[in-house]
Amino acid sequence: MDGKGSVAKNLKYILASELVLAGLKFISRRVFVLALGREYLGLNGLFTDILSMLSLAELGFGVSVTYSLYRPVAQGDTELIKSLAGLYRRVYRWVGAAVLALGLALTPCLGFFVKEMPRDIPHIPLIYALTVVNTGVSYFWSYRSTLLFVYQKKYIDAAIRAAVALFATGAQAAALLLTHSYVLYLGIAIAATLIQNAAISAQADRLCPFLREGEVRPLPPEVAEDIRRNVGAMILHRVGAVAVFGTDNLLISKFVGLATTGLYSNYMMIRGVLNVAVGALSNAVMPALGSLAATTGLEEKRTAFCRLDFCAAWLIGWMSVCLWCLYDPFIDLWLGRGYRLPPATVLLIVVNFYLAGMRVPVASTKSVMGLFWDERYKSILEALVNLTVSIALARRWGIAGILAGTLISTVSMPFWIEPLGLYRHGLEQSPGGYFARYFLRLAVTAAAGGLTKLLCAPTGEGVGGFAAKALLCAAAPNLVFLAAYRRAPELAFVKELLFRRGGGGGGKAG
């Protein structure tokens, strides 16, 4: 299968899988609220953020090794693949052990992260410990999933995850409704994680039988040095990313309260489903883009980036409009009006989603090109700005101040530094065209959002009103985008990608 065929197949399978997972998540969350209530939601969101901090133990090693795998996979160099996979396996065993040890060591400190610890939730330390175990054990098999990814077989991983989640969600829902036990709920999650990783490992072994061969050569010195350099840069990137995107629940829990953390986690769950769709686009494209970056010239790389950026701008723009118009009506139907956040807070969530999504094409392209080093300090500065501004504004505006801090830190640095780095060191051309396109697409998205919001206003409430709003959101923004981008050369490529049948031979990715 050629590059386009792999991208199309991965994208279709991943999107289908994520639709299944999204539906299961919403069902599970509804049962969760019915059985346990909003403070348990807040606890779940808080523990998720604590564990995102513990993910710093990974130090960006996975991204660095994934980058190093693109060339040997493209060239069929099985000896180097074996060496890299062996290193990946050894390091991630240590990472998993570190996450387990550090996470469990934090158990006595849980009260520090909560404004007021709820007294009516039993076994909080045990709940936290089980959450740590579920996260920690997942690291022990991560390299197998990465192999499926770089071989452009992500659809296998997606199918396994969807199948396991289907059974796990049913079991968890039954456990909550029958026993109201969060401990049992987490026990089922751990079992599902183990089964899922075992199945993915079996498929990776089938795809790469040479991994079972006994002799593994040491890494060539130049490859080992490249990984060390990239890991050194990625440590700083990881610290910055966690401080910016992994601390909102912690700050809300500390400065506002656990109940508000639960409300916010519902909105972030919906946003997370859309993030997964964006990730599906990235995961489908990145292996082909990585192969292209390792084997082709500068002009092909520029073309591939422009196509990815165009797809992301359309997708992120449409999703942002949908979030703005459908967030509150969906929350009302799903959980009830008592689970809403204020309108200004909802708008900040949407704006942050748009800005974060529009960073994905730049970040993905830089990742496959190995451009980690030159911006290593940017993430730390971004994190410092985010935490300082968020804490200062939280004391005055609560949750809206925390989200405003994320917005300010994004606009102040990564918004312009990341594209400059890509164009200067990767695409080797002026970034002026990129910024011009960015602001044009931002204006088009704002116009589409304003029009759609006006059209949705008279549709009313309830199931009928939500259905009418959803139809308007499906049609109006995309018609605006189609009118605005009808002459864009990237649009023809997107049509070919979406309606492609089968895979030809020998074509180039991109």
Protein backbone atom coordinates (compact mmCIF):
# COMPACT_ATOMS: atom_id res chain seq x y z
CA MET A 1 0.00 0.00 0.00
CA ASP A 2 1.42 3.46 -0.88
CA GLY A 3 1.64 6.44 1.47
CA LYS A 4 -1.75 7.93 0.60
CA GLY A 5 -3.45 4.54 0.94
CA SER A 6 -1.89 4.02 4.38
CA VAL A 7 -2.93 7.48 5.53
CA ALA A 8 -6.50 6.99 4.28
CA LYS A 9 -6.85 3.51 5.83
CA ASN A 10 -5.36 4.57 9.16
CA LEU A 11 -7.51 7.69 9.27
CA LYS A 12 -10.75 5.84 8.53
CA TYR A 13 -10.08 3.04 11.01
CA ILE A 14 -8.88 5.38 13.74
CA LEU A 15 -11.85 7.72 13.34
CA ALA A 16 -14.28 4.80 13.42
CA SER A 17 -12.58 3.42 16.51
CA GLU A 18 -12.60 6.78 18.25
CA LEU A 19 -16.30 7.27 17.49
CA VAL A 20 -16.97 3.98 19.27
CA LEU A 21 -14.72 5.00 22.17
CA ALA A 22 -16.38 8.41 22.39
CA GLY A 23 -19.84 6.89 22.61
CA LEU A 24 -18.64 4.51 25.30
CA LYS A 25 -17.07 7.35 27.28
CA PHE A 26 -20.28 9.36 27.31
CA ILE A 27 -22.31 6.35 28.41
CA SER A 28 -19.75 5.55 31.09
CA ARG A 29 -19.68 9.15 32.36
CA ARG A 30 -23.48 9.28 32.53
CA VAL A 31 -23.54 6.09 34.60
CA PHE A 32 -20.67 7.46 36.70
CA VAL A 33 -22.65 10.63 37.55
CA LEU A 34 -25.80 8.67 38.33
CA ALA A 35 -24.01 6.20 40.56
CA LEU A 36 -21.39 8.36 42.29
CA GLY A 37 -22.01 12.12 41.81
CA ARG A 38 -19.98 15.20 40.88
CA GLU A 39 -17.38 15.05 43.68
CA TYR A 40 -16.18 11.69 42.40
CA LEU A 41 -15.86 13.35 38.99
CA GLY A 42 -13.69 16.04 40.53
CA LEU A 43 -11.55 13.41 42.24
CA ASN A 44 -11.11 11.56 38.95
CA GLY A 45 -10.07 14.78 37.19
CA LEU A 46 -7.65 15.70 39.97
CA PHE A 47 -5.95 12.29 39.92
CA THR A 48 -5.67 12.50 36.13
CA ASP A 49 -3.71 15.75 36.41
CA ILE A 50 -1.44 14.37 39.14
CA LEU A 51 -0.62 11.42 36.91
CA SER A 52 0.03 13.71 33.96
CA MET A 53 2.75 15.30 36.10
CA LEU A 54 4.18 11.86 36.80
CA SER A 55 4.37 11.23 33.06
CA LEU A 56 7.42 13.51 33.17
CA ALA A 57 9.30 10.35 34.11
CA GLU A 58 9.02 9.44 30.41
CA LEU A 59 11.21 12.49 29.63
CA GLY A 60 10.15 12.63 25.99
CA PHE A 61 12.08 9.44 25.27
CA GLY A 62 9.24 7.88 23.25
CA VAL A 63 9.05 10.79 20.80
CA SER A 64 12.83 10.71 20.32
CA VAL A 65 12.96 6.97 19.60
CA THR A 66 9.91 7.15 17.34
CA TYR A 67 11.71 9.78 15.27
CA SER A 68 14.78 7.50 15.09
CA LEU A 69 12.62 4.58 13.86
CA TYR A 70 11.23 6.31 10.75
CA ARG A 71 14.36 5.92 8.62
CA PRO A 72 15.18 2.24 9.41
CA VAL A 73 11.51 1.28 8.91
CA ALA A 74 11.46 3.09 5.55
CA GLN A 75 14.71 1.38 4.55
CA GLY A 76 13.90 -2.06 5.99
CA ASP A 77 16.90 -2.01 8.36
CA THR A 78 15.71 -4.73 10.75
CA GLU A 79 18.95 -4.78 12.79
CA LEU A 80 18.64 -1.12 13.72
CA ILE A 81 14.92 -1.56 14.41
CA LYS A 82 15.77 -4.40 16.83
CA SER A 83 18.35 -2.24 18.60
CA LEU A 84 15.98 0.70 18.95
CA ALA A 85 13.07 -1.50 20.10
CA GLY A 86 15.30 -3.12 22.72
CA LEU A 87 16.35 0.28 24.06
CA TYR A 88 12.72 1.45 24.06
CA ARG A 89 11.63 -1.65 25.99
CA ARG A 90 14.35 -1.28 28.66
CA VAL A 91 13.77 2.42 29.23
CA TYR A 92 10.01 2.10 29.45
CA ARG A 93 10.23 -0.63 32.03
CA TRP A 94 12.15 1.81 34.20
CA VAL A 95 9.62 4.55 33.39
CA GLY A 96 6.71 2.35 34.44
CA ALA A 97 8.49 1.45 37.67
CA ALA A 98 9.24 5.14 38.34
CA VAL A 99 5.62 6.19 37.77
CA LEU A 100 4.42 3.48 40.16
CA ALA A 101 6.97 4.38 42.84
CA LEU A 102 6.61 8.17 42.62
CA GLY A 103 2.83 8.01 42.29
CA LEU A 104 2.36 5.80 45.33
CA ALA A 105 4.83 7.94 47.31
CA LEU A 106 2.50 10.94 46.79
CA THR A 107 -0.43 9.22 48.53
CA PRO A 108 0.09 10.96 51.90
CA CYS A 109 0.17 14.37 50.14
CA LEU A 110 -3.25 14.21 48.44
CA GLY A 111 -4.78 16.72 50.82
CA PHE A 112 -2.41 19.43 49.57
CA PHE A 113 -4.04 19.39 46.11
CA VAL A 114 -7.64 19.85 47.29
CA LYS A 115 -9.20 23.00 48.73
CA GLU A 116 -11.38 20.84 50.97
CA MET A 117 -11.09 17.04 50.97
CA PRO A 118 -14.58 15.43 50.78
CA ARG A 119 -15.43 13.37 53.84
CA ASP A 120 -18.19 11.29 52.25
CA ILE A 121 -15.88 9.52 49.74
CA PRO A 122 -14.39 6.38 51.32
CA HIS A 123 -11.05 4.78 50.45
CA ILE A 124 -9.56 7.86 48.70
CA PRO A 125 -5.95 6.62 49.12
CA LEU A 126 -6.88 3.22 47.65
CA ILE A 127 -8.71 4.89 44.74
CA TYR A 128 -5.65 6.97 44.03
CA ALA A 129 -3.31 3.96 44.30
CA LEU A 130 -5.38 1.95 41.80
CA THR A 131 -5.37 4.92 39.40
CA VAL A 132 -1.56 5.03 39.66
CA VAL A 133 -1.30 1.29 38.99
CA ASN A 134 -3.52 1.55 35.90
CA THR A 135 -1.28 4.28 34.50
CA GLY A 136 2.01 2.72 35.52
CA VAL A 137 1.45 -0.72 34.01
CA SER A 138 0.58 0.79 30.63
CA TYR A 139 4.20 1.89 30.14
CA PHE A 140 5.58 -1.65 30.14
CA TRP A 141 4.24 -2.41 26.65
CA SER A 142 4.25 1.05 25.04
CA TYR A 143 7.01 0.24 22.56
CA ARG A 144 4.83 -2.39 20.88
CA SER A 145 2.17 0.18 20.07
CA THR A 146 4.87 2.50 18.70
CA LEU A 147 6.03 -0.20 16.28
CA LEU A 148 2.52 -0.51 14.85
CA PHE A 149 2.49 3.28 14.54
CA VAL A 150 5.76 3.66 12.59
CA TYR A 151 4.85 0.74 10.31
CA GLN A 152 1.66 2.66 9.41
CA LYS A 153 -0.49 -0.07 11.04
CA LYS A 154 -2.14 2.17 13.62
CA TYR A 155 -5.52 0.83 12.55
CA ILE A 156 -4.67 -2.50 14.25
CA ASP A 157 -4.01 -0.71 17.52
CA ALA A 158 -7.23 1.30 17.13
CA ALA A 159 -9.35 -1.81 16.55
CA ILE A 160 -7.95 -3.56 19.62
CA ARG A 161 -8.51 -0.54 21.84
CA ALA A 162 -12.11 -0.19 20.68
CA ALA A 163 -12.89 -3.88 21.20
CA VAL A 164 -11.42 -3.98 24.72
CA ALA A 165 -13.13 -0.71 25.66
CA LEU A 166 -16.49 -2.07 24.55
CA PHE A 167 -16.35 -4.95 27.01
CA ALA A 168 -14.66 -2.93 29.77
CA THR A 169 -17.23 -0.13 29.65
CA GLY A 170 -20.10 -2.59 29.90
CA ALA A 171 -18.48 -4.27 32.89
CA GLN A 172 -17.72 -0.95 34.59
CA ALA A 173 -21.25 0.37 34.06
CA ALA A 174 -22.71 -2.81 35.54
CA ALA A 175 -20.33 -2.61 38.49
CA LEU A 176 -21.27 1.01 39.25
CA LEU A 177 -25.02 0.45 38.96
CA LEU A 178 -25.00 -2.73 41.03
CA THR A 179 -22.37 -1.93 43.67
CA HIS A 180 -21.64 1.85 43.47
CA SER A 181 -18.00 0.85 44.01
CA TYR A 182 -15.37 3.09 42.44
CA VAL A 183 -12.73 0.60 43.60
CA LEU A 184 -14.30 -2.18 41.52
CA TYR A 185 -14.62 0.25 38.60
CA LEU A 186 -10.85 0.89 38.72
CA GLY A 187 -10.07 -2.81 39.11
CA ILE A 188 -11.89 -3.51 35.84
CA ALA A 189 -9.93 -0.66 34.20
CA ILE A 190 -6.62 -2.25 35.25
CA ALA A 191 -7.68 -5.64 33.87
CA ALA A 192 -8.70 -3.99 30.58
CA THR A 193 -5.33 -2.23 30.32
CA LEU A 194 -3.49 -5.55 30.75
CA ILE A 195 -5.65 -7.35 28.18
CA GLN A 196 -5.34 -4.50 25.67
CA ASN A 197 -1.55 -4.37 25.95
CA ALA A 198 -1.25 -8.15 25.63
CA ALA A 199 -3.29 -8.09 22.40
CA ILE A 200 -1.29 -5.19 20.94
CA SER A 201 1.96 -6.97 21.84
CA ALA A 202 0.82 -10.11 20.02
CA GLN A 203 0.06 -8.11 16.86
CA ALA A 204 3.39 -6.28 17.03
CA ASP A 205 5.21 -9.63 17.35
CA ARG A 206 3.32 -10.92 14.32
CA LEU A 207 4.26 -7.84 12.31
CA CYS A 208 7.92 -7.88 13.44
CA PRO A 209 8.92 -11.53 14.10
CA PHE A 210 12.59 -10.54 13.92
CA LEU A 211 12.18 -8.89 17.35
CA ARG A 212 12.22 -12.36 18.90
CA GLU A 213 15.66 -13.12 17.50
CA GLY A 214 18.28 -13.46 20.22
CA GLU A 215 21.13 -11.28 18.96
CA VAL A 216 20.67 -7.51 19.24
CA ARG A 217 23.47 -5.24 18.14
CA PRO A 218 24.46 -2.13 20.11
CA LEU A 219 23.12 1.13 18.74
CA PRO A 220 25.45 2.91 16.31
CA PRO A 221 27.17 5.79 18.20
CA GLU A 222 25.67 8.47 15.97
CA VAL A 223 22.11 7.16 16.57
CA ALA A 224 22.66 6.91 20.33
CA GLU A 225 24.05 10.45 20.42
CA ASP A 226 21.09 11.75 18.39
CA ILE A 227 18.65 10.14 20.86
CA ARG A 228 20.53 11.57 23.85
CA ARG A 229 20.45 15.05 22.34
CA ASN A 230 16.74 14.83 21.49
CA VAL A 231 15.84 13.45 24.92
CA GLY A 232 17.73 16.34 26.52
CA ALA A 233 15.58 18.78 24.55
CA MET A 234 12.35 16.83 25.02
CA ILE A 235 12.72 16.86 28.81
CA LEU A 236 12.16 20.60 28.72
CA HIS A 237 9.34 20.29 26.19
CA ARG A 238 7.61 17.69 28.38
CA VAL A 239 7.93 19.79 31.54
CA GLY A 240 6.42 22.76 29.73
CA ALA A 241 3.59 20.75 28.18
CA VAL A 242 2.57 19.19 31.50
CA ALA A 243 2.72 22.55 33.30
CA VAL A 244 0.50 24.18 30.66
CA PHE A 245 -1.97 21.42 29.74
CA GLY A 246 -1.84 19.13 32.76
CA THR A 247 -2.39 21.46 35.70
CA ASP A 248 -5.83 23.03 35.18
CA ASN A 249 -7.64 20.46 37.32
CA LEU A 250 -5.00 20.82 40.03
CA LEU A 251 -5.37 24.59 40.12
CA ILE A 252 -9.17 24.47 40.01
CA SER A 253 -9.23 21.90 42.80
CA LYS A 254 -6.82 23.98 44.89
CA PHE A 255 -8.30 27.46 44.34
CA VAL A 256 -11.96 26.84 43.46
CA GLY A 257 -13.04 23.41 44.74
CA LEU A 258 -13.46 19.75 43.90
CA ALA A 259 -17.09 20.11 42.73
CA THR A 260 -16.10 22.72 40.12
CA THR A 261 -13.27 20.44 39.05
CA GLY A 262 -15.92 17.81 38.33
CA LEU A 263 -17.96 20.25 36.21
CA TYR A 264 -14.87 21.28 34.28
CA SER A 265 -13.88 17.65 33.71
CA ASN A 266 -17.18 17.06 31.88
CA TYR A 267 -16.44 19.87 29.44
CA MET A 268 -12.87 18.62 29.03
CA MET A 269 -14.12 15.12 28.35
CA ILE A 270 -16.17 16.43 25.43
CA ARG A 271 -13.21 18.48 24.25
CA GLY A 272 -11.02 15.41 24.74
CA VAL A 273 -13.16 13.42 22.32
CA LEU A 274 -12.51 16.08 19.69
CA ASN A 275 -8.82 16.12 20.60
CA VAL A 276 -8.79 12.41 19.86
CA ALA A 277 -10.18 13.11 16.38
CA VAL A 278 -7.39 15.64 15.83
CA GLY A 279 -4.95 13.06 17.15
CA ALA A 280 -6.38 10.52 14.72
CA LEU A 281 -5.52 12.84 11.83
CA SER A 282 -2.04 13.33 13.25
CA ASN A 283 -1.49 9.62 13.96
CA ALA A 284 -2.68 8.66 10.49
CA VAL A 285 -0.41 11.18 8.77
CA MET A 286 2.73 11.19 10.94
CA PRO A 287 4.19 7.79 9.95
CA ALA A 288 3.86 8.65 6.25
CA LEU A 289 5.19 12.14 6.96
CA GLY A 290 8.09 10.66 8.89
CA SER A 291 8.95 8.34 6.03
CA LEU A 292 8.71 11.26 3.64
CA ALA A 293 10.93 13.44 5.85
CA ALA A 294 13.55 10.68 5.93
CA THR A 295 13.61 9.97 2.20
CA THR A 296 12.48 12.98 0.11
CA GLY A 297 13.41 16.55 -0.70
CA LEU A 298 12.52 19.93 0.74
CA GLU A 299 9.70 20.78 -1.66
CA GLU A 300 7.80 17.57 -0.89
CA LYS A 301 8.08 18.32 2.83
CA ARG A 302 6.70 21.83 2.32
CA THR A 303 3.78 20.47 0.32
CA ALA A 304 3.02 17.82 2.92
CA PHE A 305 3.01 20.38 5.73
CA CYS A 306 0.72 22.77 3.84
CA ARG A 307 -1.76 19.94 3.25
CA LEU A 308 -1.70 18.86 6.89
CA ASP A 309 -2.09 22.47 8.05
CA PHE A 310 -5.06 23.01 5.74
CA CYS A 311 -6.81 19.85 6.96
CA ALA A 312 -6.24 20.84 10.57
CA ALA A 313 -7.49 24.41 10.03
CA TRP A 314 -10.76 23.15 8.53
CA LEU A 315 -11.24 20.40 11.13
CA ILE A 316 -10.28 22.52 14.15
CA GLY A 317 -12.34 25.47 12.91
CA TRP A 318 -15.44 23.33 12.44
CA MET A 319 -15.00 21.60 15.81
CA SER A 320 -14.56 24.95 17.57
CA VAL A 321 -17.83 26.24 16.10
CA CYS A 322 -19.58 23.03 17.17
CA LEU A 323 -18.22 23.32 20.70
CA TRP A 324 -19.32 26.93 21.05
CA CYS A 325 -22.86 26.25 19.85
CA LEU A 326 -23.45 22.77 21.30
CA TYR A 327 -21.50 22.60 24.56
CA ASP A 328 -24.25 23.76 26.93
CA PRO A 329 -27.21 22.14 25.10
CA PHE A 330 -25.36 18.82 25.15
CA ILE A 331 -24.50 19.12 28.85
CA ASP A 332 -28.18 19.84 29.58
CA LEU A 333 -29.31 16.67 27.79
CA TRP A 334 -26.48 14.50 29.02
CA LEU A 335 -26.18 15.45 32.69
CA GLY A 336 -28.63 18.30 33.43
CA ARG A 337 -28.51 22.11 33.67
CA GLY A 338 -26.87 21.90 37.08
CA TYR A 339 -23.67 20.73 35.40
CA ARG A 340 -23.12 23.88 33.29
CA LEU A 341 -20.19 26.29 33.58
CA PRO A 342 -20.56 30.09 33.06
CA PRO A 343 -20.64 31.30 29.41
CA ALA A 344 -17.31 33.17 29.67
CA THR A 345 -15.62 30.02 30.95
CA VAL A 346 -17.08 27.96 28.11
CA LEU A 347 -15.83 30.50 25.54
CA LEU A 348 -12.32 30.33 27.04
CA ILE A 349 -12.40 26.51 26.79
CA VAL A 350 -13.32 26.81 23.10
CA VAL A 351 -10.64 29.42 22.34
CA ASN A 352 -7.96 27.33 24.09
CA PHE A 353 -9.10 24.29 22.12
CA TYR A 354 -8.71 26.20 18.85
CA LEU A 355 -5.25 27.52 19.69
CA ALA A 356 -4.03 24.12 20.88
CA GLY A 357 -5.43 22.35 17.81
CA MET A 358 -3.81 24.79 15.43
CA ARG A 359 -0.43 23.94 16.98
CA VAL A 360 -0.75 20.27 16.01
CA PRO A 361 0.45 20.47 12.36
CA VAL A 362 3.54 22.44 13.35
CA ALA A 363 4.31 20.16 16.30
CA SER A 364 3.76 16.97 14.27
CA THR A 365 5.98 18.13 11.42
CA LYS A 366 8.75 19.24 13.78
CA SER A 367 8.53 15.89 15.56
CA VAL A 368 9.05 13.79 12.44
CA MET A 369 11.91 16.11 11.39
CA GLY A 370 13.58 15.76 14.79
CA LEU A 371 13.48 19.52 15.50
CA PHE A 372 13.54 19.32 19.28
CA TRP A 373 16.71 21.12 20.33
CA ASP A 374 16.49 24.78 19.31
CA GLU A 375 13.29 25.56 21.24
CA ARG A 376 14.08 23.56 24.34
CA TYR A 377 13.79 26.55 26.71
CA LYS A 378 10.56 27.89 25.20
CA SER A 379 8.40 25.31 26.97
CA ILE A 380 9.84 26.16 30.39
CA LEU A 381 9.18 29.88 29.88
CA GLU A 382 5.67 29.09 28.64
CA ALA A 383 5.03 26.98 31.74
CA LEU A 384 6.28 29.73 34.08
CA VAL A 385 4.03 32.31 32.40
CA ASN A 386 1.05 29.94 32.51
CA LEU A 387 1.37 29.04 36.19
CA THR A 388 2.16 32.60 37.31
CA VAL A 389 -0.71 34.21 35.42
CA SER A 390 -3.17 31.40 36.16
CA ILE A 391 -2.56 31.50 39.92
CA ALA A 392 -2.75 35.32 39.98
CA LEU A 393 -5.99 35.41 37.98
CA ALA A 394 -7.51 32.43 39.84
CA ARG A 395 -7.62 34.45 43.05
CA ARG A 396 -9.77 37.08 41.31
CA TRP A 397 -11.77 35.24 38.62
CA GLY A 398 -11.68 31.61 39.70
CA ILE A 399 -11.82 29.03 36.92
CA ALA A 400 -12.04 31.69 34.19
CA GLY A 401 -8.77 33.19 35.45
CA ILE A 402 -7.02 29.81 35.27
CA LEU A 403 -8.14 29.29 31.67
CA ALA A 404 -7.18 32.87 30.79
CA GLY A 405 -3.68 32.09 32.05
CA THR A 406 -3.43 29.21 29.57
CA LEU A 407 -4.62 31.49 26.77
CA ILE A 408 -2.11 34.23 27.63
CA SER A 409 0.82 31.81 27.87
CA THR A 410 -0.05 30.26 24.48
CA VAL A 411 -0.31 33.58 22.66
CA SER A 412 2.79 35.03 24.29
CA MET A 413 5.24 32.36 23.12
CA PRO A 414 4.44 29.10 21.28
CA PHE A 415 1.99 30.80 18.92
CA TRP A 416 4.84 32.47 17.05
CA ILE A 417 8.03 30.69 18.25
CA GLU A 418 7.05 27.19 17.08
CA PRO A 419 6.26 28.14 13.44
CA LEU A 420 9.42 30.25 13.29
CA GLY A 421 11.48 27.22 14.34
CA LEU A 422 9.82 24.93 11.81
CA TYR A 423 10.25 27.31 8.90
CA ARG A 424 13.78 28.32 9.83
CA HIS A 425 15.26 24.89 10.57
CA GLY A 426 12.91 22.46 8.78
CA LEU A 427 11.19 24.00 5.76
CA GLU A 428 13.91 26.63 5.19
CA GLN A 429 11.68 29.47 4.04
CA SER A 430 10.02 32.59 5.41
CA PRO A 431 7.07 31.96 7.77
CA GLY A 432 5.21 35.04 6.50
CA GLY A 433 2.87 32.96 4.33
CA TYR A 434 2.05 30.70 7.27
CA PHE A 435 1.01 33.56 9.53
CA ALA A 436 -1.01 35.20 6.75
CA ARG A 437 -2.90 31.96 6.20
CA TYR A 438 -3.35 31.50 9.96
CA PHE A 439 -5.04 34.86 10.48
CA LEU A 440 -7.16 34.44 7.36
CA ARG A 441 -8.37 31.06 8.61
CA LEU A 442 -8.99 32.50 12.07
CA ALA A 443 -11.17 35.21 10.54
CA VAL A 444 -13.08 32.65 8.46
CA THR A 445 -13.64 30.48 11.55
CA ALA A 446 -14.85 33.47 13.58
CA ALA A 447 -17.27 34.41 10.78
CA ALA A 448 -18.54 30.84 10.54
CA GLY A 449 -18.97 30.71 14.32
CA GLY A 450 -20.87 34.00 14.48
CA LEU A 451 -23.21 32.97 11.65
CA THR A 452 -23.88 29.54 13.13
CA LYS A 453 -24.52 30.98 16.60
CA LEU A 454 -27.09 33.39 15.15
CA LEU A 455 -28.81 30.58 13.25
CA CYS A 456 -28.91 28.40 16.37
CA ALA A 457 -30.41 31.07 18.62
CA PRO A 458 -34.12 30.53 17.75
CA THR A 459 -34.01 26.71 17.74
CA GLY A 460 -35.17 26.25 21.35
CA GLU A 461 -34.19 23.67 23.98
CA GLY A 462 -34.65 19.96 24.55
CA VAL A 463 -33.90 17.11 22.17
CA GLY A 464 -35.54 18.85 19.19
CA GLY A 465 -33.62 22.07 19.76
CA PHE A 466 -30.34 20.21 20.12
CA ALA A 467 -30.97 18.22 16.93
CA ALA A 468 -31.69 21.44 15.02
CA LYS A 469 -28.52 23.06 16.37
CA ALA A 470 -26.49 19.97 15.45
CA LEU A 471 -27.77 20.04 11.87
CA LEU A 472 -26.95 23.72 11.58
CA CYS A 473 -23.47 23.09 12.96
CA ALA A 474 -22.95 20.29 10.47
CA ALA A 475 -23.92 22.45 7.51
CA ALA A 476 -23.35 26.16 8.10
CA PRO A 477 -19.63 26.25 9.07
CA ASN A 478 -18.63 23.80 6.34
CA LEU A 479 -20.49 25.83 3.71
CA VAL A 480 -18.63 28.94 4.87
CA PHE A 481 -15.30 27.07 4.73
CA LEU A 482 -16.11 25.66 1.30
CA ALA A 483 -16.88 29.12 -0.04
CA ALA A 484 -13.73 30.58 1.50
CA TYR A 485 -11.33 27.79 0.50
CA ARG A 486 -12.84 26.63 -2.81
CA ARG A 487 -9.76 27.75 -4.76
CA ALA A 488 -7.21 26.33 -2.31
CA PRO A 489 -4.99 23.70 -4.00
CA GLU A 490 -5.05 21.61 -0.82
CA LEU A 491 -8.81 21.08 -1.19
CA ALA A 492 -8.32 18.87 -4.26
CA PHE A 493 -5.87 16.71 -2.31
CA VAL A 494 -8.32 16.33 0.57
CA LYS A 495 -11.08 15.20 -1.81
CA GLU A 496 -8.76 12.59 -3.32
CA LEU A 497 -7.72 11.36 0.13
CA LEU A 498 -11.25 11.04 1.48
CA PHE A 499 -12.75 9.32 -1.57
CA ARG A 500 -9.78 7.13 -2.45
CA ARG A 501 -10.62 3.47 -3.07
CA GLY A 502 -7.97 0.95 -2.25
CA GLY A 503 -4.23 1.56 -2.56
CA GLY A 504 -2.05 1.74 -5.59
CA GLY A 505 1.58 0.84 -5.66
CA GLY A 506 4.74 2.82 -5.43
CA GLY A 507 3.31 6.28 -4.80
CA LYS A 508 4.84 8.79 -2.42
CA ALA A 509 3.38 9.80 0.91
CA GLY A 510 2.12 13.26 1.44
